[in-house]
Protein backbone atom coordinates (compact mmCIF):
# COMPACT_ATOMS: atom_id res chain seq x y z
CA MET A 1 -43.14 -7.18 30.89
CA GLY A 2 -40.44 -6.80 33.54
CA SER A 3 -38.77 -10.09 32.57
CA GLY A 4 -38.77 -9.17 28.88
CA ALA A 5 -37.18 -5.80 29.61
CA VAL A 6 -34.37 -7.46 31.64
CA GLN A 7 -33.65 -9.95 28.83
CA LYS A 8 -33.52 -7.12 26.30
CA GLN A 9 -31.10 -5.10 28.44
CA SER A 10 -28.91 -8.19 28.99
CA ALA A 11 -28.77 -8.88 25.26
CA HIS A 12 -27.85 -5.24 24.63
CA ARG A 13 -24.99 -5.35 27.17
CA GLU A 14 -23.66 -8.61 25.67
CA THR A 15 -23.77 -7.23 22.14
CA SER A 16 -22.07 -4.00 23.20
CA HIS A 17 -19.27 -5.97 24.89
CA ASP A 18 -18.70 -8.18 21.83
CA CYS A 19 -18.69 -5.22 19.47
CA ARG A 20 -16.10 -3.10 21.24
CA SER A 21 -13.30 -3.95 18.76
CA CYS A 22 -15.49 -4.05 15.62
CA LEU A 23 -15.91 -1.60 12.81
CA GLU A 24 -19.26 -3.21 12.03
CA CYS A 25 -21.27 -5.47 14.31
CA SER A 26 -24.39 -7.60 14.10
CA ARG A 27 -26.59 -8.32 17.12
CA ASP A 28 -26.88 -11.98 16.09
CA ASN A 29 -23.44 -12.61 14.60
CA GLY A 30 -21.07 -10.28 16.47
CA CYS A 31 -18.30 -8.63 14.48
CA VAL A 32 -18.63 -8.63 10.72
CA ARG A 33 -15.80 -6.16 9.96
CA CYS A 34 -12.63 -5.38 11.94
CA PRO A 35 -10.10 -2.53 12.10
CA GLU A 36 -7.27 -2.76 9.59
CA ARG A 37 -4.72 -4.56 11.81
CA LEU A 38 -7.09 -7.02 13.49
CA PHE A 39 -8.27 -10.43 12.31
CA LEU A 40 -11.89 -11.54 12.11
CA PHE A 41 -12.31 -14.86 13.93
CA LEU A 42 -15.57 -16.74 13.31
CA GLN A 43 -16.76 -19.35 15.81
CA ARG A 44 -19.63 -21.66 15.04
CA ASP A 45 -22.59 -21.05 17.34
CA GLY A 46 -25.25 -23.63 16.55
CA MET A 47 -26.34 -23.04 12.96
CA SER A 48 -24.66 -19.64 12.71
CA HIS A 49 -21.24 -18.04 13.24
CA HIS A 50 -20.21 -15.46 15.82
CA GLY A 51 -17.38 -13.06 14.94
CA THR A 52 -14.76 -11.38 17.12
CA CYS A 53 -11.83 -9.15 16.20
CA LEU A 54 -8.43 -10.36 17.44
CA HIS A 55 -4.85 -9.10 17.35
CA ALA A 56 -3.59 -12.69 16.87
CA CYS A 57 -5.40 -15.80 15.73
CA PRO A 58 -5.98 -18.64 18.24
CA PRO A 59 -4.25 -22.05 18.13
CA ALA A 60 -4.95 -24.20 15.06
CA HIS A 61 -5.53 -21.05 12.98
CA PHE A 62 -3.42 -18.67 10.90
CA GLY A 63 -3.93 -15.07 9.91
CA GLN A 64 -4.78 -14.41 6.27
CA ARG A 65 -4.64 -10.77 5.22
CA GLY A 66 -6.94 -9.59 2.48
CA LYS A 67 -7.69 -6.39 0.62
CA ASP A 68 -10.91 -5.69 2.51
CA ILE A 69 -10.65 -7.86 5.62
CA ASN A 70 -8.18 -10.03 7.54
CA ARG A 71 -9.44 -13.42 8.64
CA CYS A 72 -8.40 -16.24 10.96
CA MET A 73 -8.36 -19.42 8.90
CA ARG A 74 -8.23 -22.95 10.32
CA CYS A 75 -5.21 -25.20 9.72
CA ARG A 76 -6.19 -28.17 7.60
CA SER A 77 -4.63 -30.78 9.90
CA LEU A 78 -6.41 -31.38 13.20
CA ASP A 79 -3.02 -32.36 14.70
CA CYS A 80 -1.54 -28.92 14.00
CA GLU A 81 -1.30 -26.35 16.80
CA HIS A 82 0.11 -23.53 14.65
CA CYS A 83 0.43 -23.23 10.88
CA PHE A 84 1.99 -20.85 8.36
CA ASP A 85 -0.82 -21.40 5.89
CA ARG A 86 -3.64 -23.94 5.56
CA GLU A 87 -1.31 -26.77 4.49
CA PHE A 88 2.05 -26.05 6.23
CA CYS A 89 2.18 -26.71 9.96
CA THR A 90 4.81 -24.97 12.11
CA LYS A 91 3.99 -26.56 15.47
CA CYS A 92 2.25 -29.84 16.25
CA LYS A 93 0.03 -30.77 19.13
CA PRO A 94 1.55 -32.90 21.93
CA GLY A 95 2.19 -36.48 20.84
CA PHE A 96 3.10 -35.53 17.25
CA LYS A 97 6.38 -34.69 15.51
CA MET A 98 7.00 -32.10 12.82
CA SER A 99 8.13 -33.49 9.46
CA SER A 100 8.30 -31.16 6.44
CA GLY A 101 5.31 -29.13 7.54
CA LYS A 102 3.22 -32.17 8.50
CA CYS A 103 2.40 -33.64 11.91
CA VAL A 104 3.21 -37.34 12.20
CA THR A 105 3.19 -39.93 14.97
CA HIS A 106 6.29 -41.70 13.62
CA CYS A 107 9.19 -40.09 11.77
CA PRO A 108 9.59 -41.31 8.17
CA ALA A 109 12.52 -43.38 6.92
CA GLY A 110 15.81 -41.48 6.84
CA THR A 111 14.84 -39.28 9.78
CA TYR A 112 14.68 -39.64 13.54
CA ALA A 113 12.78 -37.90 16.33
CA HIS A 114 14.49 -35.08 18.21
CA GLN A 115 12.34 -33.11 20.64
CA THR A 116 9.33 -31.99 18.56
CA ASP A 117 10.86 -32.52 15.10
CA CYS A 118 11.96 -35.24 12.70
CA LEU A 119 15.59 -34.58 11.70
CA GLU A 120 17.24 -35.93 8.57
CA ASP A 121 20.30 -38.13 9.08
CA GLY A 122 21.92 -36.67 5.97
CA LEU A 123 22.04 -33.18 7.46
CA LEU A 124 24.42 -34.30 10.21
CA ALA A 125 28.04 -35.39 10.20
CA PRO A 126 28.84 -39.14 10.11
CA LEU A 127 27.99 -41.07 13.24
CA GLY A 128 29.96 -39.72 16.19
CA GLU A 129 32.25 -37.57 13.99
CA TRP A 130 32.70 -33.88 13.28
CA SER A 131 32.57 -32.06 10.00
CA GLU A 132 35.46 -29.91 8.79
CA TRP A 133 35.78 -26.44 10.27
CA SER A 134 34.17 -23.71 8.26
CA GLU A 135 36.27 -20.79 7.03
CA TRP A 136 36.85 -17.99 9.50
CA SER A 137 34.29 -15.26 9.15
CA ALA A 138 35.36 -11.72 8.32
CA CYS A 139 36.95 -9.76 11.16
CA LEU A 140 34.06 -7.61 12.34
CA ARG A 141 33.11 -5.16 15.02
CA GLU A 142 29.72 -3.53 15.16
CA GLY A 143 29.07 -4.89 11.69
CA VAL A 144 32.07 -3.27 9.93
CA THR A 145 35.53 -4.54 8.89
CA CYS A 146 37.54 -1.38 9.63
CA GLY A 147 37.69 1.65 11.87
CA PHE A 148 38.52 -0.26 15.07
CA ARG A 149 41.71 -1.80 16.38
CA TRP A 150 40.16 -5.14 17.32
CA GLY A 151 37.30 -7.22 16.02
CA LYS A 152 36.03 -10.79 16.25
CA GLN A 153 35.66 -13.66 13.81
CA THR A 154 34.14 -17.09 14.24
CA ARG A 155 34.07 -20.51 12.65
CA THR A 156 31.90 -23.57 13.31
CA ARG A 157 31.70 -27.28 12.67
CA ILE A 158 28.78 -29.69 12.87
CA GLY A 159 28.81 -32.79 15.04
CA GLY A 160 27.02 -36.06 14.38
CA PRO A 161 25.09 -37.92 17.10
CA SER A 162 26.94 -40.81 18.70
CA GLY A 163 23.96 -43.10 19.37
CA ARG A 164 22.90 -46.05 17.26
CA THR A 165 19.17 -45.99 17.92
CA PRO A 166 16.95 -42.97 17.18
CA GLU A 167 16.55 -42.39 20.91
CA GLU A 168 20.32 -42.48 21.52
CA LYS A 169 20.92 -40.14 18.59
CA ALA A 170 18.44 -37.61 19.92
CA ALA A 171 19.92 -37.79 23.42
CA SER A 172 23.49 -37.23 22.20
CA LEU A 173 22.84 -34.66 19.49
CA CYS A 174 25.33 -31.81 19.64
CA PRO A 175 24.49 -29.17 17.01
CA SER A 176 27.87 -27.47 16.63
CA HIS A 177 31.19 -26.37 18.03
CA SER A 178 32.28 -22.81 17.53
CA GLU A 179 35.51 -20.88 17.93
CA THR A 180 35.60 -17.15 18.42
CA GLN A 181 38.85 -15.37 17.63
CA ARG A 182 39.76 -11.82 18.54
CA CYS A 183 41.44 -10.24 15.54
CA ARG A 184 42.78 -6.97 14.28
CA MET A 185 40.77 -5.17 11.69
CA LYS A 186 41.94 -5.93 8.16
CA LYS A 187 43.77 -2.69 7.36
CA LYS A 188 45.92 -2.95 10.52
CA CYS A 189 46.61 -6.68 10.68
CA PRO A 190 50.40 -7.39 10.38
CA THR A 191 51.60 -10.83 9.23
CA GLY A 192 53.62 -13.15 11.43
CA LYS A 193 52.38 -11.64 14.68
CA LEU A 194 49.84 -12.48 17.31
CA LEU A 195 46.37 -12.01 15.90
CA GLY A 196 44.37 -12.42 19.07
CA ASN A 197 42.91 -14.59 21.73
CA VAL A 198 40.95 -17.74 20.86
CA VAL A 199 38.02 -18.91 22.95
CA PHE A 200 37.00 -22.48 22.11
CA THR A 201 33.50 -23.34 23.22
CA CYS A 202 31.92 -26.78 23.11
CA LEU A 203 28.19 -26.16 23.19
CA CYS A 204 27.53 -29.65 24.52
CA CYS A 205 30.42 -29.82 27.01
CA ASP A 206 31.31 -28.21 30.31
CA PHE A 207 34.62 -26.63 29.35
CA VAL A 208 36.02 -23.63 27.52
CA PHE A 209 39.53 -23.56 26.05
CA ASP A 210 41.12 -20.13 26.28
CA GLY A 211 44.40 -20.00 24.34
CA MET A 212 46.40 -17.94 21.89
CA TRP A 213 46.13 -17.99 18.12
CA TRP A 214 49.12 -17.14 15.98
CA ASN A 215 49.41 -16.27 12.32
CA ASN A 216 52.33 -18.39 11.04
């Protein structure tokens, strides 16, 4: 009798602990309904499932919101650590690379491995070269083009990797150069005079060029 009473009390404490975040709870299956913002996560326990309510779904799962209940759904690929939906992976497990939402051990033709992703050669500038500079952005300050004396504008260019092998490419990859120019706001900008100070930054180098930019 004493032993049975202890087991019953223990089961009651365990169920109460598991049900703290539930709207509805089953003694055998845990949570069966969660508050509006939480996700129901079902774990297999022998021949049955045990539910818990979570703020965020665990690895290899994604949150699917529904009209009556939000659920944690498993990513289809076993190599996927995080996914946007059942089919599209956003982060792979160690040892795999991301390629168009899939986890692969080897990057497909036309791509090469860089960190955790497979990058397309066509998205980069020719080998070891730089693309043309983009147009200067609008002269802005705090998100507006007028109302201040000075603003800033930027332009960028993309650099291609200088290596010949996929490993060398990945090691030498430099995403972009950028220039930031201090400029007068449009309504006050005179022609033929000093527009501002140019700061040239190489994101993959150890130097910054600080010079003057003139409007000729």
